[in-house]
Amino acid sequence: MTQAAILILSATAMWLVSGRSRHARVGWALGLASQPFWLYATFEAGQWGMFALAVFYSFAWANGLWNYGANKDESRRLKTQVAVAKQIVQHGVSLMTKEQLGQWRGVRSFLEQEPEDYEPSA
């Protein structure tokens, strides 16, 4: 069962991310989904070098999903939503009393962040 999951998930993931398919995003997710099987199999076999490599690959697949999984339209939409939310919060803050402002910790730090902070890094 574990070996079959490793073969199917890993091979499909590599095939999808290596091409120019619009399904590359799914490949990153499948690669990440294969990692628990790799971790289990290498741990059970006592292959500590392979286990360490599987941990590294887990981070690499997660990084790929983060960086290449979000398409540009979603990033732009999120950026716009953050900018609108920022304007709404600023307006709400302008209506608050000093006492209310003291209760809203974190508002200022949110307002000082740039919308780029919410976009996956390239």
C-alpha atoms as a PDB file:
ATOM      1  CA  MET A   1       0.000   0.000   0.000  1.00  0.00           C
ATOM      2  CA  THR A   2       2.712   2.486   1.017  1.00  0.00           C
ATOM      3  CA  GLN A   3       4.902   1.608  -1.969  1.00  0.00           C
ATOM      4  CA  ALA A   4       1.953   1.960  -4.359  1.00  0.00           C
ATOM      5  CA  ALA A   5       1.074   5.386  -2.929  1.00  0.00           C
ATOM      6  CA  ILE A   6       4.707   6.499  -3.279  1.00  0.00           C
ATOM      7  CA  LEU A   7       4.848   5.319  -6.885  1.00  0.00           C
ATOM      8  CA  ILE A   8       1.536   6.788  -7.995  1.00  0.00           C
ATOM      9  CA  LEU A   9       1.710  10.121  -6.163  1.00  0.00           C
ATOM     10  CA  SER A  10       5.408  10.835  -6.741  1.00  0.00           C
ATOM     11  CA  ALA A  11       5.489   9.829 -10.404  1.00  0.00           C
ATOM     12  CA  THR A  12       2.326  11.778 -11.205  1.00  0.00           C
ATOM     13  CA  ALA A  13       3.610  14.820  -9.323  1.00  0.00           C
ATOM     14  CA  MET A  14       6.932  14.827 -11.152  1.00  0.00           C
ATOM     15  CA  TRP A  15       5.190  14.406 -14.509  1.00  0.00           C
ATOM     16  CA  LEU A  16       2.834  17.321 -13.856  1.00  0.00           C
ATOM     17  CA  VAL A  17       5.428  19.795 -12.528  1.00  0.00           C
ATOM     18  CA  SER A  18       7.970  18.995 -15.241  1.00  0.00           C
ATOM     19  CA  GLY A  19       5.708  19.984 -18.113  1.00  0.00           C
ATOM     20  CA  ARG A  20       3.953  23.131 -19.205  1.00  0.00           C
ATOM     21  CA  SER A  21       0.567  21.796 -18.254  1.00  0.00           C
ATOM     22  CA  ARG A  22      -2.012  23.975 -16.572  1.00  0.00           C
ATOM     23  CA  HIS A  23      -2.209  21.163 -14.024  1.00  0.00           C
ATOM     24  CA  ALA A  24       1.255  21.847 -12.574  1.00  0.00           C
ATOM     25  CA  ARG A  25      -0.407  23.203  -9.445  1.00  0.00           C
ATOM     26  CA  VAL A  26      -1.925  19.784  -8.827  1.00  0.00           C
ATOM     27  CA  GLY A  27       1.540  18.273  -9.242  1.00  0.00           C
ATOM     28  CA  TRP A  28       2.936  20.323  -6.366  1.00  0.00           C
ATOM     29  CA  ALA A  29       0.024  19.240  -4.175  1.00  0.00           C
ATOM     30  CA  LEU A  30       0.455  15.574  -5.116  1.00  0.00           C
ATOM     31  CA  GLY A  31       4.177  15.776  -4.400  1.00  0.00           C
ATOM     32  CA  LEU A  32       3.453  17.146  -0.958  1.00  0.00           C
ATOM     33  CA  ALA A  33       0.762  14.491  -0.431  1.00  0.00           C
ATOM     34  CA  SER A  34       3.315  11.757  -1.203  1.00  0.00           C
ATOM     35  CA  GLN A  35       5.667  12.818   1.569  1.00  0.00           C
ATOM     36  CA  PRO A  36       3.905  11.159   4.542  1.00  0.00           C
ATOM     37  CA  PHE A  37       4.316   7.838   2.707  1.00  0.00           C
ATOM     38  CA  TRP A  38       8.013   8.523   2.084  1.00  0.00           C
ATOM     39  CA  LEU A  39       8.512   9.536   5.704  1.00  0.00           C
ATOM     40  CA  TYR A  40       6.727   6.446   6.999  1.00  0.00           C
ATOM     41  CA  ALA A  41       8.528   4.038   4.669  1.00  0.00           C
ATOM     42  CA  THR A  42      12.002   5.409   5.346  1.00  0.00           C
ATOM     43  CA  PHE A  43      11.390   5.597   9.095  1.00  0.00           C
ATOM     44  CA  GLU A  44      10.140   2.011   9.252  1.00  0.00           C
ATOM     45  CA  ALA A  45      13.128   0.808   7.218  1.00  0.00           C
ATOM     46  CA  GLY A  46      15.582   2.748   9.383  1.00  0.00           C
ATOM     47  CA  GLN A  47      16.955   4.578   6.344  1.00  0.00           C
ATOM     48  CA  TRP A  48      17.888   7.749   8.183  1.00  0.00           C
ATOM     49  CA  GLY A  49      19.603   9.434   5.264  1.00  0.00           C
ATOM     50  CA  MET A  50      16.554   8.878   3.076  1.00  0.00           C
ATOM     51  CA  PHE A  51      14.333  10.002   5.953  1.00  0.00           C
ATOM     52  CA  ALA A  52      16.273  13.283   6.187  1.00  0.00           C
ATOM     53  CA  LEU A  53      15.988  13.672   2.423  1.00  0.00           C
ATOM     54  CA  ALA A  54      12.220  13.065   2.630  1.00  0.00           C
ATOM     55  CA  VAL A  55      11.957  15.832   5.241  1.00  0.00           C
ATOM     56  CA  PHE A  56      13.848  18.147   2.882  1.00  0.00           C
ATOM     57  CA  TYR A  57      11.612  17.155  -0.034  1.00  0.00           C
ATOM     58  CA  SER A  58       8.547  17.872   2.098  1.00  0.00           C
ATOM     59  CA  PHE A  59       9.717  21.453   2.497  1.00  0.00           C
ATOM     60  CA  ALA A  60      10.632  21.661  -1.201  1.00  0.00           C
ATOM     61  CA  TRP A  61       7.191  20.457  -2.308  1.00  0.00           C
ATOM     62  CA  ALA A  62       5.510  22.882   0.116  1.00  0.00           C
ATOM     63  CA  ASN A  63       7.690  25.710  -1.183  1.00  0.00           C
ATOM     64  CA  GLY A  64       6.796  24.833  -4.770  1.00  0.00           C
ATOM     65  CA  LEU A  65       3.110  24.722  -3.943  1.00  0.00           C
ATOM     66  CA  TRP A  66       3.369  28.108  -2.243  1.00  0.00           C
ATOM     67  CA  ASN A  67       5.408  29.791  -4.978  1.00  0.00           C
ATOM     68  CA  TYR A  68       3.933  28.216  -8.088  1.00  0.00           C
ATOM     69  CA  GLY A  69       0.562  27.072  -6.845  1.00  0.00           C
ATOM     70  CA  ALA A  70      -1.094  30.477  -6.640  1.00  0.00           C
ATOM     71  CA  ASN A  71      -1.806  31.913 -10.041  1.00  0.00           C
ATOM     72  CA  LYS A  72      -1.277  35.601 -10.787  1.00  0.00           C
ATOM     73  CA  ASP A  73      -5.005  36.398 -10.951  1.00  0.00           C
ATOM     74  CA  GLU A  74      -5.507  35.066  -7.425  1.00  0.00           C
ATOM     75  CA  SER A  75      -2.512  37.056  -6.185  1.00  0.00           C
ATOM     76  CA  ARG A  76      -3.845  40.262  -7.766  1.00  0.00           C
ATOM     77  CA  ARG A  77      -7.316  39.626  -6.360  1.00  0.00           C
ATOM     78  CA  LEU A  78      -5.897  39.039  -2.886  1.00  0.00           C
ATOM     79  CA  LYS A  79      -3.805  42.187  -3.161  1.00  0.00           C
ATOM     80  CA  THR A  80      -6.916  44.207  -4.099  1.00  0.00           C
ATOM     81  CA  GLN A  81      -8.921  42.694  -1.251  1.00  0.00           C
ATOM     82  CA  VAL A  82      -6.175  43.560   1.227  1.00  0.00           C
ATOM     83  CA  ALA A  83      -6.054  47.155  -0.059  1.00  0.00           C
ATOM     84  CA  VAL A  84      -9.846  47.526   0.285  1.00  0.00           C
ATOM     85  CA  ALA A  85      -9.795  45.958   3.756  1.00  0.00           C
ATOM     86  CA  LYS A  86      -7.029  48.364   4.733  1.00  0.00           C
ATOM     87  CA  GLN A  87      -9.156  51.345   3.641  1.00  0.00           C
ATOM     88  CA  ILE A  88     -12.155  50.035   5.577  1.00  0.00           C
ATOM     89  CA  VAL A  89     -10.079  49.528   8.717  1.00  0.00           C
ATOM     90  CA  GLN A  90      -8.543  53.001   8.372  1.00  0.00           C
ATOM     91  CA  HIS A  91     -12.017  54.513   8.143  1.00  0.00           C
ATOM     92  CA  GLY A  92     -13.157  52.517  11.170  1.00  0.00           C
ATOM     93  CA  VAL A  93     -10.087  53.618  13.134  1.00  0.00           C
ATOM     94  CA  SER A  94     -10.815  57.253  12.305  1.00  0.00           C
ATOM     95  CA  LEU A  95     -14.228  56.821  13.974  1.00  0.00           C
ATOM     96  CA  MET A  96     -12.854  55.268  17.177  1.00  0.00           C
ATOM     97  CA  THR A  97     -12.259  57.022  20.442  1.00  0.00           C
ATOM     98  CA  LYS A  98      -8.840  56.837  22.104  1.00  0.00           C
ATOM     99  CA  GLU A  99     -10.176  54.256  24.541  1.00  0.00           C
ATOM    100  CA  GLN A 100     -11.438  52.062  21.701  1.00  0.00           C
ATOM    101  CA  LEU A 101      -8.128  52.403  19.895  1.00  0.00           C
ATOM    102  CA  GLY A 102      -6.353  51.082  22.968  1.00  0.00           C
ATOM    103  CA  GLN A 103      -8.498  47.938  22.760  1.00  0.00           C
ATOM    104  CA  TRP A 104      -7.624  47.329  19.115  1.00  0.00           C
ATOM    105  CA  ARG A 105      -4.058  46.120  19.393  1.00  0.00           C
ATOM    106  CA  GLY A 106      -2.570  45.062  16.127  1.00  0.00           C
ATOM    107  CA  VAL A 107      -4.578  47.448  13.954  1.00  0.00           C
ATOM    108  CA  ARG A 108      -1.644  49.757  13.421  1.00  0.00           C
ATOM    109  CA  SER A 109       0.740  46.957  12.517  1.00  0.00           C
ATOM    110  CA  PHE A 110      -1.824  45.667  10.005  1.00  0.00           C
ATOM    111  CA  LEU A 111      -2.242  49.101   8.472  1.00  0.00           C
ATOM    112  CA  GLU A 112       1.504  49.551   8.111  1.00  0.00           C
ATOM    113  CA  GLN A 113       1.941  46.355   6.110  1.00  0.00           C
ATOM    114  CA  GLU A 114       2.113  46.589   2.353  1.00  0.00           C
ATOM    115  CA  PRO A 115      -0.212  44.446   0.182  1.00  0.00           C
ATOM    116  CA  GLU A 116       2.899  42.753  -1.292  1.00  0.00           C
ATOM    117  CA  ASP A 117       3.372  41.087   2.103  1.00  0.00           C
ATOM    118  CA  TYR A 118       0.349  38.917   1.300  1.00  0.00           C
ATOM    119  CA  GLU A 119       1.620  37.699  -2.059  1.00  0.00           C
ATOM    120  CA  PRO A 120       3.612  34.486  -2.452  1.00  0.00           C
ATOM    121  CA  SER A 121       7.281  35.259  -3.036  1.00  0.00           C
ATOM    122  CA  ALA A 122       8.721  34.551  -6.449  1.00  0.00           C
END
